[in-house]
């Protein structure tokens, strides 16, 4: 089972409760649209959930996070239109995930209104860990070699 399928299965039960939200007719929350691949990472989009359901979604995610083949997952909270700072969902995600970081997991912002949880940096793509590619380091070595060559000649 791929990571998105695993997360969709874990979160499927939320759909029925999300259907009861006041805005569900205009903006329904569905695993088919809110749990998806974004580049190399599975992504959980909390838009269209209230704080109570977002908490349940993050808790379900945390139950599956250690088994993800990608070693990382993106959680989208949005910026909070009427909030100063990261908003209600951002605060909620940071507090729920922050409680589990003792397992050696890492957690960091990924642009405005999104976070990345890295559960296994050995499996996680460089885009999730922030590691620089070998091509970057090759370029640094080439520039240094040219600089040394120009100083010696």
Protein backbone atom coordinates (compact mmCIF):
# COMPACT_ATOMS: atom_id res chain seq x y z
CA UNK A 1 0.00 0.00 0.00
CA UNK A 2 1.48 3.36 -0.94
CA UNK A 3 1.64 6.21 1.57
CA UNK A 4 -1.33 8.17 0.23
CA UNK A 5 -3.51 5.05 0.22
CA UNK A 6 -2.41 4.30 3.80
CA UNK A 7 -3.29 7.83 4.96
CA UNK A 8 -6.59 7.83 3.09
CA UNK A 9 -7.59 4.59 4.80
CA UNK A 10 -6.67 6.01 8.21
CA UNK A 11 -8.59 9.24 7.62
CA UNK A 12 -11.64 7.94 5.75
CA UNK A 13 -13.83 7.90 8.88
CA UNK A 14 -13.47 11.69 9.18
CA UNK A 15 -15.48 12.29 6.02
CA UNK A 16 -18.82 11.53 7.69
CA UNK A 17 -18.12 13.98 10.51
CA UNK A 18 -16.79 16.59 8.07
CA UNK A 19 -20.10 16.33 6.18
CA UNK A 20 -21.79 17.79 9.29
CA UNK A 21 -19.79 21.03 9.17
CA UNK A 22 -21.74 24.18 8.27
CA UNK A 23 -19.69 24.78 5.11
CA UNK A 24 -19.60 21.15 3.92
CA UNK A 25 -22.05 21.75 1.07
CA UNK A 26 -19.75 24.38 -0.45
CA UNK A 27 -16.36 23.02 0.62
CA UNK A 28 -16.52 19.31 1.47
CA UNK A 29 -13.51 17.63 3.03
CA UNK A 30 -12.73 14.36 1.26
CA UNK A 31 -9.74 12.07 1.51
CA UNK A 32 -9.72 11.88 -2.29
CA UNK A 33 -9.05 15.62 -2.55
CA UNK A 34 -7.34 16.48 0.73
CA UNK A 35 -4.90 13.55 1.00
CA UNK A 36 -2.70 13.44 -2.08
CA UNK A 37 0.79 13.38 -3.49
CA UNK A 38 2.53 16.74 -3.75
CA UNK A 39 5.79 16.14 -5.51
CA UNK A 40 7.64 13.40 -3.67
CA UNK A 41 5.63 13.65 -0.45
CA UNK A 42 2.22 12.53 0.70
CA UNK A 43 0.23 15.54 1.83
CA UNK A 44 -2.59 16.04 4.32
CA UNK A 45 -4.58 19.23 3.69
CA UNK A 46 -6.51 20.38 6.76
CA UNK A 47 -8.40 23.11 4.89
CA UNK A 48 -12.17 22.70 5.25
CA UNK A 49 -11.92 21.04 8.69
CA UNK A 50 -12.65 22.68 12.01
CA UNK A 51 -10.11 22.47 14.84
CA UNK A 52 -11.74 19.40 16.43
CA UNK A 53 -11.65 17.38 13.21
CA UNK A 54 -8.20 18.68 12.32
CA UNK A 55 -6.96 17.40 15.69
CA UNK A 56 -8.43 13.97 14.92
CA UNK A 57 -6.84 14.05 11.45
CA UNK A 58 -3.41 14.88 12.86
CA UNK A 59 -3.75 12.18 15.51
CA UNK A 60 -4.65 9.64 12.80
CA UNK A 61 -1.68 10.84 10.75
CA UNK A 62 0.62 10.40 13.72
CA UNK A 63 -0.58 6.83 14.09
CA UNK A 64 0.53 6.07 10.53
CA UNK A 65 3.54 8.40 10.17
CA UNK A 66 6.14 5.89 11.34
CA UNK A 67 5.07 3.41 8.67
CA UNK A 68 5.29 5.82 5.72
CA UNK A 69 7.62 4.56 3.00
CA UNK A 70 8.64 8.12 2.08
CA UNK A 71 9.85 8.84 5.62
CA UNK A 72 8.06 12.21 5.58
CA UNK A 73 4.69 13.87 5.13
CA UNK A 74 3.52 17.43 4.44
CA UNK A 75 0.68 18.89 6.53
CA UNK A 76 -1.09 21.92 5.06
CA UNK A 77 -2.78 24.23 7.54
CA UNK A 78 -3.14 27.47 5.63
CA UNK A 79 -2.16 30.81 7.10
CA UNK A 80 -5.38 31.75 8.84
CA UNK A 81 -7.10 34.73 7.25
CA UNK A 82 -8.32 36.12 10.53
CA UNK A 83 -5.33 35.05 12.63
CA UNK A 84 -2.09 36.70 13.57
CA UNK A 85 0.77 34.26 13.07
CA UNK A 86 0.24 30.67 11.95
CA UNK A 87 -3.45 30.52 12.83
CA UNK A 88 -5.47 28.02 14.81
CA UNK A 89 -4.63 25.00 12.65
CA UNK A 90 -0.93 25.85 12.57
CA UNK A 91 -0.84 26.07 16.37
CA UNK A 92 -2.79 22.82 16.63
CA UNK A 93 -0.45 20.93 14.30
CA UNK A 94 2.68 22.23 16.02
CA UNK A 95 1.39 21.22 19.44
CA UNK A 96 0.13 17.75 18.40
CA UNK A 97 3.25 16.85 16.43
CA UNK A 98 5.60 18.55 18.88
CA UNK A 99 4.47 16.14 21.57
CA UNK A 100 5.85 13.21 19.54
CA UNK A 101 9.27 14.52 18.53
CA UNK A 102 11.00 12.54 21.26
CA UNK A 103 10.92 9.60 18.82
CA UNK A 104 13.69 11.26 16.82
CA UNK A 105 11.27 12.72 14.32
CA UNK A 106 11.87 16.22 12.93
CA UNK A 107 9.32 18.86 12.12
CA UNK A 108 9.77 22.15 10.27
CA UNK A 109 7.84 24.79 8.32
CA UNK A 110 7.56 24.28 4.57
CA UNK A 111 6.46 27.59 3.13
CA UNK A 112 3.50 29.63 4.32
CA UNK A 113 0.85 27.52 6.01
CA UNK A 114 2.53 24.13 5.64
CA UNK A 115 4.79 21.88 7.68
CA UNK A 116 6.85 18.79 6.98
CA UNK A 117 7.17 15.93 9.44
CA UNK A 118 10.26 13.78 8.80
CA UNK A 119 10.00 10.40 10.49
CA UNK A 120 12.98 8.78 8.77
CA UNK A 121 15.58 11.13 7.22
CA UNK A 122 17.29 8.16 5.51
CA UNK A 123 14.17 7.49 3.42
CA UNK A 124 12.87 11.06 3.12
CA UNK A 125 13.54 13.01 -0.08
CA UNK A 126 16.01 15.88 0.11
CA UNK A 127 13.16 18.34 -0.40
CA UNK A 128 11.73 17.18 2.95
CA UNK A 129 14.95 17.17 4.95
CA UNK A 130 16.45 20.36 3.56
CA UNK A 131 19.65 18.53 2.61
CA UNK A 132 21.64 20.00 -0.24
CA UNK A 133 22.06 17.89 -3.36
CA UNK A 134 25.37 16.38 -4.44
CA UNK A 135 25.27 18.71 -7.47
CA UNK A 136 25.40 21.70 -5.14
CA UNK A 137 28.49 20.36 -3.41
CA UNK A 138 30.11 19.52 -6.75
CA UNK A 139 29.57 23.13 -7.80
CA UNK A 140 31.12 24.40 -4.56
CA UNK A 141 34.17 22.21 -5.13
CA UNK A 142 34.48 23.43 -8.73
CA UNK A 143 34.32 27.08 -7.67
CA UNK A 144 36.91 26.52 -4.94
CA UNK A 145 39.19 24.71 -7.39
CA UNK A 146 38.93 27.61 -9.85
CA UNK A 147 39.60 30.11 -7.08
CA UNK A 148 42.71 28.23 -5.90
CA UNK A 149 43.91 27.84 -9.49
CA UNK A 150 43.53 31.58 -10.12
CA UNK A 151 45.42 32.44 -6.92
CA UNK A 152 48.30 30.12 -7.78
CA UNK A 153 48.75 31.32 -11.36
